[in-house]
Amino acid sequence: MKKTYDSDTVAAYQTAQQTNREAVRTINATGAEQRSADH
């Protein structure tokens, strides 16, 4: 059977994924700043 999810679950999952991607981008930018300070 095809799995169906309610809209709240889908929205929560999508929000979590977006937050995770933005966190990775922030970590990348912070890493660049730290490398700059080290150089």
PDB file of all heavy atoms in Angstrom:
ATOM      1  N   MET A   1       0.844  -1.198   0.000  1.00  0.00           N
ATOM      2  CA  MET A   1       0.000   0.000   0.000  1.00  0.00           C
ATOM      3  C   MET A   1       0.879   1.248   0.000  1.00  0.00           C
ATOM      4  O   MET A   1       1.948   1.267   0.611  1.00  0.00           O
ATOM      5  CB  MET A   1      -0.898   0.013   1.236  1.00  0.00           C
ATOM      6  CG  MET A   1      -1.944  -1.079   1.219  1.00  0.00           C
ATOM      7  SD  MET A   1      -3.002  -1.024   2.662  1.00  0.00           S
ATOM      8  CE  MET A   1      -3.655   0.604   2.569  1.00  0.00           C
ATOM      9  N   LYS A   2       0.417   2.244  -0.709  1.00  0.00           N
ATOM     10  CA  LYS A   2       1.129   3.516  -0.720  1.00  0.00           C
ATOM     11  C   LYS A   2       0.967   4.171   0.652  1.00  0.00           C
ATOM     12  O   LYS A   2      -0.137   4.223   1.200  1.00  0.00           O
ATOM     13  CB  LYS A   2       0.561   4.431  -1.795  1.00  0.00           C
ATOM     14  CG  LYS A   2       1.275   5.742  -1.903  1.00  0.00           C
ATOM     15  CD  LYS A   2       0.686   6.621  -2.994  1.00  0.00           C
ATOM     16  CE  LYS A   2       1.411   7.938  -3.010  1.00  0.00           C
ATOM     17  NZ  LYS A   2       0.789   8.895  -3.920  1.00  0.00           N
ATOM     18  N   LYS A   3       2.074   4.636   1.201  1.00  0.00           N
ATOM     19  CA  LYS A   3       2.019   5.277   2.506  1.00  0.00           C
ATOM     20  C   LYS A   3       1.485   6.693   2.355  1.00  0.00           C
ATOM     21  O   LYS A   3       1.870   7.418   1.447  1.00  0.00           O
ATOM     22  CB  LYS A   3       3.407   5.322   3.140  1.00  0.00           C
ATOM     23  CG  LYS A   3       3.945   3.970   3.490  1.00  0.00           C
ATOM     24  CD  LYS A   3       5.291   4.086   4.155  1.00  0.00           C
ATOM     25  CE  LYS A   3       5.806   2.709   4.508  1.00  0.00           C
ATOM     26  NZ  LYS A   3       7.103   2.773   5.154  1.00  0.00           N
ATOM     27  N   THR A   4       0.604   7.044   3.218  1.00  0.00           N
ATOM     28  CA  THR A   4       0.080   8.401   3.218  1.00  0.00           C
ATOM     29  C   THR A   4       0.366   9.028   4.569  1.00  0.00           C
ATOM     30  O   THR A   4       0.298   8.354   5.605  1.00  0.00           O
ATOM     31  CB  THR A   4      -1.431   8.425   2.951  1.00  0.00           C
ATOM     32  OG1 THR A   4      -2.082   7.620   3.927  1.00  0.00           O
ATOM     33  CG2 THR A   4      -1.742   7.904   1.567  1.00  0.00           C
ATOM     34  N   TYR A   5       0.718  10.271   4.552  1.00  0.00           N
ATOM     35  CA  TYR A   5       1.039  10.990   5.775  1.00  0.00           C
ATOM     36  C   TYR A   5       0.124  12.204   5.877  1.00  0.00           C
ATOM     37  O   TYR A   5      -0.266  12.779   4.863  1.00  0.00           O
ATOM     38  CB  TYR A   5       2.496  11.453   5.761  1.00  0.00           C
ATOM     39  CG  TYR A   5       3.478  10.320   5.640  1.00  0.00           C
ATOM     40  CD1 TYR A   5       4.070  10.028   4.422  1.00  0.00           C
ATOM     41  CD2 TYR A   5       3.797   9.538   6.733  1.00  0.00           C
ATOM     42  CE1 TYR A   5       4.969   8.989   4.296  1.00  0.00           C
ATOM     43  CE2 TYR A   5       4.693   8.489   6.624  1.00  0.00           C
ATOM     44  CZ  TYR A   5       5.281   8.221   5.405  1.00  0.00           C
ATOM     45  OH  TYR A   5       6.167   7.187   5.293  1.00  0.00           O
ATOM     46  N   ASP A   6      -0.168  12.578   7.088  1.00  0.00           N
ATOM     47  CA  ASP A   6      -0.995  13.773   7.248  1.00  0.00           C
ATOM     48  C   ASP A   6      -0.164  15.019   6.966  1.00  0.00           C
ATOM     49  O   ASP A   6       1.061  14.995   6.972  1.00  0.00           O
ATOM     50  CB  ASP A   6      -1.642  13.821   8.633  1.00  0.00           C
ATOM     51  CG  ASP A   6      -0.633  13.871   9.764  1.00  0.00           C
ATOM     52  OD1 ASP A   6       0.531  14.218   9.507  1.00  0.00           O
ATOM     53  OD2 ASP A   6      -1.015  13.572  10.901  1.00  0.00           O
ATOM     54  N   SER A   7      -0.829  16.098   6.684  1.00  0.00           N
ATOM     55  CA  SER A   7      -0.133  17.326   6.263  1.00  0.00           C
ATOM     56  C   SER A   7       0.748  17.890   7.368  1.00  0.00           C
ATOM     57  O   SER A   7       1.796  18.479   7.088  1.00  0.00           O
ATOM     58  CB  SER A   7      -1.137  18.367   5.792  1.00  0.00           C
ATOM     59  OG  SER A   7      -2.017  18.698   6.852  1.00  0.00           O
ATOM     60  N   ASP A   8       0.377  17.703   8.637  1.00  0.00           N
ATOM     61  CA  ASP A   8       1.214  18.206   9.732  1.00  0.00           C
ATOM     62  C   ASP A   8       2.552  17.481   9.778  1.00  0.00           C
ATOM     63  O   ASP A   8       3.599  18.084  10.003  1.00  0.00           O
ATOM     64  CB  ASP A   8       0.498  18.052  11.081  1.00  0.00           C
ATOM     65  CG  ASP A   8      -0.694  18.992  11.209  1.00  0.00           C
ATOM     66  OD1 ASP A   8      -0.737  19.994  10.462  1.00  0.00           O
ATOM     67  OD2 ASP A   8      -1.568  18.706  12.048  1.00  0.00           O
ATOM     68  N   THR A   9       2.531  16.181   9.563  1.00  0.00           N
ATOM     69  CA  THR A   9       3.768  15.399   9.575  1.00  0.00           C
ATOM     70  C   THR A   9       4.665  15.803   8.418  1.00  0.00           C
ATOM     71  O   THR A   9       5.873  15.967   8.574  1.00  0.00           O
ATOM     72  CB  THR A   9       3.447  13.896   9.500  1.00  0.00           C
ATOM     73  OG1 THR A   9       2.602  13.546  10.596  1.00  0.00           O
ATOM     74  CG2 THR A   9       4.705  13.057   9.542  1.00  0.00           C
ATOM     75  N   VAL A  10       4.074  15.975   7.240  1.00  0.00           N
ATOM     76  CA  VAL A  10       4.841  16.382   6.062  1.00  0.00           C
ATOM     77  C   VAL A  10       5.452  17.773   6.280  1.00  0.00           C
ATOM     78  O   VAL A  10       6.632  17.989   6.000  1.00  0.00           O
ATOM     79  CB  VAL A  10       3.954  16.360   4.800  1.00  0.00           C
ATOM     80  CG1 VAL A  10       4.682  16.981   3.618  1.00  0.00           C
ATOM     81  CG2 VAL A  10       3.549  14.931   4.477  1.00  0.00           C
ATOM     82  N   ALA A  11       4.661  18.686   6.813  1.00  0.00           N
ATOM     83  CA  ALA A  11       5.160  20.046   7.051  1.00  0.00           C
ATOM     84  C   ALA A  11       6.283  20.042   8.082  1.00  0.00           C
ATOM     85  O   ALA A  11       7.298  20.736   7.914  1.00  0.00           O
ATOM     86  CB  ALA A  11       4.024  20.947   7.515  1.00  0.00           C
ATOM     87  N   ALA A  12       6.156  19.246   9.116  1.00  0.00           N
ATOM     88  CA  ALA A  12       7.199  19.170  10.139  1.00  0.00           C
ATOM     89  C   ALA A  12       8.482  18.596   9.558  1.00  0.00           C
ATOM     90  O   ALA A  12       9.586  19.083   9.835  1.00  0.00           O
ATOM     91  CB  ALA A  12       6.730  18.318  11.316  1.00  0.00           C
ATOM     92  N   TYR A  13       8.350  17.573   8.726  1.00  0.00           N
ATOM     93  CA  TYR A  13       9.524  16.971   8.089  1.00  0.00           C
ATOM     94  C   TYR A  13      10.208  17.980   7.164  1.00  0.00           C
ATOM     95  O   TYR A  13      11.437  18.114   7.190  1.00  0.00           O
ATOM     96  CB  TYR A  13       9.098  15.729   7.292  1.00  0.00           C
ATOM     97  CG  TYR A  13      10.222  15.111   6.511  1.00  0.00           C
ATOM     98  CD1 TYR A  13      11.167  14.318   7.147  1.00  0.00           C
ATOM     99  CD2 TYR A  13      10.353  15.334   5.147  1.00  0.00           C
ATOM    100  CE1 TYR A  13      12.211  13.759   6.438  1.00  0.00           C
ATOM    101  CE2 TYR A  13      11.384  14.774   4.427  1.00  0.00           C
ATOM    102  CZ  TYR A  13      12.318  13.980   5.079  1.00  0.00           C
ATOM    103  OH  TYR A  13      13.356  13.429   4.371  1.00  0.00           O
ATOM    104  N   GLN A  14       9.433  18.671   6.365  1.00  0.00           N
ATOM    105  CA  GLN A  14      10.022  19.649   5.443  1.00  0.00           C
ATOM    106  C   GLN A  14      10.694  20.788   6.198  1.00  0.00           C
ATOM    107  O   GLN A  14      11.763  21.249   5.809  1.00  0.00           O
ATOM    108  CB  GLN A  14       8.945  20.188   4.501  1.00  0.00           C
ATOM    109  CG  GLN A  14       8.474  19.165   3.503  1.00  0.00           C
ATOM    110  CD  GLN A  14       7.270  19.620   2.699  1.00  0.00           C
ATOM    111  OE1 GLN A  14       6.547  20.523   3.110  1.00  0.00           O
ATOM    112  NE2 GLN A  14       7.035  18.968   1.564  1.00  0.00           N
ATOM    113  N   THR A  15      10.102  21.233   7.291  1.00  0.00           N
ATOM    114  CA  THR A  15      10.705  22.289   8.107  1.00  0.00           C
ATOM    115  C   THR A  15      12.015  21.814   8.707  1.00  0.00           C
ATOM    116  O   THR A  15      13.015  22.545   8.721  1.00  0.00           O
ATOM    117  CB  THR A  15       9.736  22.723   9.220  1.00  0.00           C
ATOM    118  OG1 THR A  15       8.537  23.206   8.612  1.00  0.00           O
ATOM    119  CG2 THR A  15      10.344  23.805  10.094  1.00  0.00           C
ATOM    120  N   ALA A  16      12.033  20.582   9.186  1.00  0.00           N
ATOM    121  CA  ALA A  16      13.266  20.025   9.761  1.00  0.00           C
ATOM    122  C   ALA A  16      14.359  19.921   8.707  1.00  0.00           C
ATOM    123  O   ALA A  16      15.528  20.235   8.974  1.00  0.00           O
ATOM    124  CB  ALA A  16      12.984  18.663  10.380  1.00  0.00           C
ATOM    125  N   GLN A  17      14.000  19.487   7.508  1.00  0.00           N
ATOM    126  CA  GLN A  17      14.986  19.379   6.433  1.00  0.00           C
ATOM    127  C   GLN A  17      15.542  20.747   6.056  1.00  0.00           C
ATOM    128  O   GLN A  17      16.748  20.907   5.855  1.00  0.00           O
ATOM    129  CB  GLN A  17      14.361  18.707   5.199  1.00  0.00           C
ATOM    130  CG  GLN A  17      14.078  17.244   5.398  1.00  0.00           C
ATOM    131  CD  GLN A  17      15.348  16.473   5.688  1.00  0.00           C
ATOM    132  OE1 GLN A  17      16.369  16.669   5.050  1.00  0.00           O
ATOM    133  NE2 GLN A  17      15.291  15.600   6.676  1.00  0.00           N
ATOM    134  N   GLN A  18      14.680  21.744   5.958  1.00  0.00           N
ATOM    135  CA  GLN A  18      15.120  23.106   5.620  1.00  0.00           C
ATOM    136  C   GLN A  18      16.034  23.654   6.709  1.00  0.00           C
ATOM    137  O   GLN A  18      17.057  24.267   6.428  1.00  0.00           O
ATOM    138  CB  GLN A  18      13.913  24.025   5.420  1.00  0.00           C
ATOM    139  CG  GLN A  18      14.275  25.470   5.153  1.00  0.00           C
ATOM    140  CD  GLN A  18      15.110  25.647   3.895  1.00  0.00           C
ATOM    141  OE1 GLN A  18      15.009  24.879   2.959  1.00  0.00           O
ATOM    142  NE2 GLN A  18      15.949  26.653   3.881  1.00  0.00           N
ATOM    143  N   THR A  19      15.661  23.423   7.964  1.00  0.00           N
ATOM    144  CA  THR A  19      16.485  23.892   9.079  1.00  0.00           C
ATOM    145  C   THR A  19      17.847  23.225   9.049  1.00  0.00           C
ATOM    146  O   THR A  19      18.868  23.870   9.272  1.00  0.00           O
ATOM    147  CB  THR A  19      15.772  23.602  10.416  1.00  0.00           C
ATOM    148  OG1 THR A  19      14.498  24.250  10.403  1.00  0.00           O
ATOM    149  CG2 THR A  19      16.577  24.084  11.595  1.00  0.00           C
ATOM    150  N   ASN A  20      17.873  21.939   8.744  1.00  0.00           N
ATOM    151  CA  ASN A  20      19.133  21.209   8.673  1.00  0.00           C
ATOM    152  C   ASN A  20      20.025  21.760   7.562  1.00  0.00           C
ATOM    153  O   ASN A  20      21.224  21.965   7.769  1.00  0.00           O
ATOM    154  CB  ASN A  20      18.859  19.716   8.454  1.00  0.00           C
ATOM    155  CG  ASN A  20      20.131  18.899   8.457  1.00  0.00           C
ATOM    156  OD1 ASN A  20      20.991  19.090   9.307  1.00  0.00           O
ATOM    157  ND2 ASN A  20      20.244  17.999   7.510  1.00  0.00           N
ATOM    158  N   ARG A  21      19.439  22.002   6.381  1.00  0.00           N
ATOM    159  CA  ARG A  21      20.240  22.539   5.271  1.00  0.00           C
ATOM    160  C   ARG A  21      20.788  23.924   5.616  1.00  0.00           C
ATOM    161  O   ARG A  21      21.934  24.250   5.308  1.00  0.00           O
ATOM    162  CB  ARG A  21      19.397  22.593   3.995  1.00  0.00           C
ATOM    163  CG  ARG A  21      19.164  21.225   3.367  1.00  0.00           C
ATOM    164  CD  ARG A  21      18.543  21.334   1.987  1.00  0.00           C
ATOM    165  NE  ARG A  21      17.215  21.879   1.992  1.00  0.00           N
ATOM    166  CZ  ARG A  21      16.093  21.167   2.096  1.00  0.00           C
ATOM    167  NH1 ARG A  21      16.136  19.873   2.220  1.00  0.00           N
ATOM    168  NH2 ARG A  21      14.921  21.768   2.071  1.00  0.00           N
ATOM    169  N   GLU A  22      19.976  24.739   6.267  1.00  0.00           N
ATOM    170  CA  GLU A  22      20.437  26.084   6.624  1.00  0.00           C
ATOM    171  C   GLU A  22      21.529  26.009   7.690  1.00  0.00           C
ATOM    172  O   GLU A  22      22.466  26.800   7.684  1.00  0.00           O
ATOM    173  CB  GLU A  22      19.247  26.921   7.107  1.00  0.00           C
ATOM    174  CG  GLU A  22      19.470  28.403   7.042  1.00  0.00           C
ATOM    175  CD  GLU A  22      19.870  28.915   5.668  1.00  0.00           C
ATOM    176  OE1 GLU A  22      19.248  28.531   4.657  1.00  0.00           O
ATOM    177  OE2 GLU A  22      20.819  29.716   5.586  1.00  0.00           O
ATOM    178  N   ALA A  23      21.418  25.048   8.589  1.00  0.00           N
ATOM    179  CA  ALA A  23      22.460  24.865   9.615  1.00  0.00           C
ATOM    180  C   ALA A  23      23.787  24.480   8.961  1.00  0.00           C
ATOM    181  O   ALA A  23      24.850  24.985   9.355  1.00  0.00           O
ATOM    182  CB  ALA A  23      22.040  23.800  10.616  1.00  0.00           C
ATOM    183  N   VAL A  24      23.743  23.622   7.967  1.00  0.00           N
ATOM    184  CA  VAL A  24      24.968  23.233   7.263  1.00  0.00           C
ATOM    185  C   VAL A  24      25.577  24.446   6.559  1.00  0.00           C
ATOM    186  O   VAL A  24      26.799  24.648   6.591  1.00  0.00           O
ATOM    187  CB  VAL A  24      24.677  22.088   6.258  1.00  0.00           C
ATOM    188  CG1 VAL A  24      25.844  21.863   5.317  1.00  0.00           C
ATOM    189  CG2 VAL A  24      24.337  20.813   7.009  1.00  0.00           C
ATOM    190  N   ARG A  25      24.753  25.275   5.951  1.00  0.00           N
ATOM    191  CA  ARG A  25      25.261  26.484   5.287  1.00  0.00           C
ATOM    192  C   ARG A  25      25.913  27.424   6.300  1.00  0.00           C
ATOM    193  O   ARG A  25      26.965  28.018   6.026  1.00  0.00           O
ATOM    194  CB  ARG A  25      24.127  27.202   4.558  1.00  0.00           C
ATOM    195  CG  ARG A  25      23.587  26.421   3.390  1.00  0.00           C
ATOM    196  CD  ARG A  25      22.390  27.129   2.765  1.00  0.00           C
ATOM    197  NE  ARG A  25      21.701  26.229   1.883  1.00  0.00           N
ATOM    198  CZ  ARG A  25      20.400  26.009   1.870  1.00  0.00           C
ATOM    199  NH1 ARG A  25      19.605  26.664   2.708  1.00  0.00           N
ATOM    200  NH2 ARG A  25      19.855  25.169   1.030  1.00  0.00           N
ATOM    201  N   THR A  26      25.299  27.555   7.465  1.00  0.00           N
ATOM    202  CA  THR A  26      25.856  28.412   8.508  1.00  0.00           C
ATOM    203  C   THR A  26      27.191  27.860   8.991  1.00  0.00           C
ATOM    204  O   THR A  26      28.152  28.617   9.202  1.00  0.00           O
ATOM    205  CB  THR A  26      24.867  28.524   9.691  1.00  0.00           C
ATOM    206  OG1 THR A  26      23.643  29.074   9.201  1.00  0.00           O
ATOM    207  CG2 THR A  26      25.415  29.400  10.797  1.00  0.00           C
ATOM    208  N   ILE A  27      27.276  26.552   9.156  1.00  0.00           N
ATOM    209  CA  ILE A  27      28.534  25.919   9.574  1.00  0.00           C
ATOM    210  C   ILE A  27      29.611  26.161   8.516  1.00  0.00           C
ATOM    211  O   ILE A  27      30.762  26.470   8.853  1.00  0.00           O
ATOM    212  CB  ILE A  27      28.321  24.417   9.826  1.00  0.00           C
ATOM    213  CG1 ILE A  27      27.477  24.225  11.087  1.00  0.00           C
ATOM    214  CG2 ILE A  27      29.635  23.677   9.931  1.00  0.00           C
ATOM    215  CD1 ILE A  27      26.958  22.819  11.276  1.00  0.00           C
ATOM    216  N   ASN A  28      29.254  26.047   7.238  1.00  0.00           N
ATOM    217  CA  ASN A  28      30.224  26.312   6.167  1.00  0.00           C
ATOM    218  C   ASN A  28      30.738  27.749   6.227  1.00  0.00           C
ATOM    219  O   ASN A  28      31.942  27.995   6.099  1.00  0.00           O
ATOM    220  CB  ASN A  28      29.594  26.057   4.798  1.00  0.00           C
ATOM    221  CG  ASN A  28      29.372  24.598   4.520  1.00  0.00           C
ATOM    222  OD1 ASN A  28      29.941  23.732   5.182  1.00  0.00           O
ATOM    223  ND2 ASN A  28      28.527  24.294   3.559  1.00  0.00           N
ATOM    224  N   ALA A  29      29.836  28.701   6.411  1.00  0.00           N
ATOM    225  CA  ALA A  29      30.228  30.111   6.472  1.00  0.00           C
ATOM    226  C   ALA A  29      31.086  30.381   7.708  1.00  0.00           C
ATOM    227  O   ALA A  29      32.087  31.107   7.637  1.00  0.00           O
ATOM    228  CB  ALA A  29      28.996  31.009   6.477  1.00  0.00           C
ATOM    229  N   THR A  30      30.710  29.790   8.835  1.00  0.00           N
ATOM    230  CA  THR A  30      31.498  29.965  10.059  1.00  0.00           C
ATOM    231  C   THR A  30      32.882  29.357   9.888  1.00  0.00           C
ATOM    232  O   THR A  30      33.880  29.921  10.354  1.00  0.00           O
ATOM    233  CB  THR A  30      30.765  29.313  11.252  1.00  0.00           C
ATOM    234  OG1 THR A  30      29.470  29.892  11.371  1.00  0.00           O
ATOM    235  CG2 THR A  30      31.521  29.505  12.541  1.00  0.00           C
ATOM    236  N   GLY A  31      32.954  28.219   9.216  1.00  0.00           N
ATOM    237  CA  GLY A  31      34.250  27.591   8.943  1.00  0.00           C
ATOM    238  C   GLY A  31      35.137  28.479   8.087  1.00  0.00           C
ATOM    239  O   GLY A  31      36.341  28.590   8.330  1.00  0.00           O
ATOM    240  N   ALA A  32      34.547  29.134   7.095  1.00  0.00           N
ATOM    241  CA  ALA A  32      35.320  30.049   6.248  1.00  0.00           C
ATOM    242  C   ALA A  32      35.848  31.227   7.061  1.00  0.00           C
ATOM    243  O   ALA A  32      36.995  31.650   6.883  1.00  0.00           O
ATOM    244  CB  ALA A  32      34.471  30.555   5.083  1.00  0.00           C
ATOM    245  N   GLU A  33      35.033  31.742   7.964  1.00  0.00           N
ATOM    246  CA  GLU A  33      35.482  32.846   8.823  1.00  0.00           C
ATOM    247  C   GLU A  33      36.618  32.392   9.742  1.00  0.00           C
ATOM    248  O   GLU A  33      37.587  33.124   9.953  1.00  0.00           O
ATOM    249  CB  GLU A  33      34.316  33.379   9.667  1.00  0.00           C
ATOM    250  CG  GLU A  33      33.284  34.137   8.875  1.00  0.00           C
ATOM    251  CD  GLU A  33      33.830  35.428   8.275  1.00  0.00           C
ATOM    252  OE1 GLU A  33      34.736  36.044   8.854  1.00  0.00           O
ATOM    253  OE2 GLU A  33      33.331  35.825   7.209  1.00  0.00           O
ATOM    254  N   GLN A  34      36.507  31.182  10.277  1.00  0.00           N
ATOM    255  CA  GLN A  34      37.554  30.672  11.164  1.00  0.00           C
ATOM    256  C   GLN A  34      38.850  30.434  10.396  1.00  0.00           C
ATOM    257  O   GLN A  34      39.934  30.757  10.877  1.00  0.00           O
ATOM    258  CB  GLN A  34      37.101  29.373  11.851  1.00  0.00           C
ATOM    259  CG  GLN A  34      38.106  28.826  12.847  1.00  0.00           C
ATOM    260  CD  GLN A  34      38.417  29.813  13.953  1.00  0.00           C
ATOM    261  OE1 GLN A  34      37.524  30.376  14.556  1.00  0.00           O
ATOM    262  NE2 GLN A  34      39.694  30.041  14.223  1.00  0.00           N
ATOM    263  N   ARG A  35      38.742  29.877   9.201  1.00  0.00           N
ATOM    264  CA  ARG A  35      39.947  29.680   8.383  1.00  0.00           C
ATOM    265  C   ARG A  35      40.599  31.018   8.068  1.00  0.00           C
ATOM    266  O   ARG A  35      41.825  31.152   8.094  1.00  0.00           O
ATOM    267  CB  ARG A  35      39.599  28.925   7.100  1.00  0.00           C
ATOM    268  CG  ARG A  35      39.286  27.462   7.316  1.00  0.00           C
ATOM    269  CD  ARG A  35      39.153  26.700   6.008  1.00  0.00           C
ATOM    270  NE  ARG A  35      38.117  27.210   5.127  1.00  0.00           N
ATOM    271  CZ  ARG A  35      36.842  26.851   5.176  1.00  0.00           C
ATOM    272  NH1 ARG A  35      36.427  26.009   6.079  1.00  0.00           N
ATOM    273  NH2 ARG A  35      35.975  27.356   4.310  1.00  0.00           N
ATOM    274  N   SER A  36      39.784  32.022   7.780  1.00  0.00           N
ATOM    275  CA  SER A  36      40.306  33.360   7.507  1.00  0.00           C
ATOM    276  C   SER A  36      41.051  33.902   8.722  1.00  0.00           C
ATOM    277  O   SER A  36      42.151  34.460   8.591  1.00  0.00           O
ATOM    278  CB  SER A  36      39.151  34.288   7.133  1.00  0.00           C
ATOM    279  OG  SER A  36      39.608  35.604   6.970  1.00  0.00           O
ATOM    280  N   ALA A  37      40.463  33.744   9.896  1.00  0.00           N
ATOM    281  CA  ALA A  37      41.124  34.210  11.121  1.00  0.00           C
ATOM    282  C   ALA A  37      42.422  33.457  11.358  1.00  0.00           C
ATOM    283  O   ALA A  37      43.436  34.050  11.769  1.00  0.00           O
ATOM    284  CB  ALA A  37      40.184  34.047  12.314  1.00  0.00           C
ATOM    285  N   ASP A  38      42.432  32.146  11.086  1.00  0.00           N
ATOM    286  CA  ASP A  38      43.656  31.354  11.253  1.00  0.00           C
ATOM    287  C   ASP A  38      44.744  31.799  10.285  1.00  0.00           C
ATOM    288  O   ASP A  38      45.913  31.919  10.657  1.00  0.00           O
ATOM    289  CB  ASP A  38      43.360  29.861  11.047  1.00  0.00           C
ATOM    290  CG  ASP A  38      42.476  29.276  12.135  1.00  0.00           C
ATOM    291  OD1 ASP A  38      42.327  29.917  13.203  1.00  0.00           O
ATOM    292  OD2 ASP A  38      41.922  28.182  11.915  1.00  0.00           O
ATOM    293  N   HIS A  39      44.350  32.048   9.024  1.00  0.00           N
ATOM    294  CA  HIS A  39      45.338  32.511   8.025  1.00  0.00           C
ATOM    295  C   HIS A  39      45.927  33.862   8.439  1.00  0.00           C
ATOM    296  O   HIS A  39      47.136  34.087   8.320  1.00  0.00           O
ATOM    297  CB  HIS A  39      44.695  32.656   6.646  1.00  0.00           C
ATOM    298  CG  HIS A  39      44.221  31.367   6.070  1.00  0.00           C
ATOM    299  ND1 HIS A  39      43.200  31.313   5.156  1.00  0.00           N
ATOM    300  CD2 HIS A  39      44.600  30.088   6.264  1.00  0.00           C
ATOM    301  CE1 HIS A  39      42.973  30.059   4.824  1.00  0.00           C
ATOM    302  NE2 HIS A  39      43.818  29.296   5.490  1.00  0.00           N
TER     303      HIS A  39
END
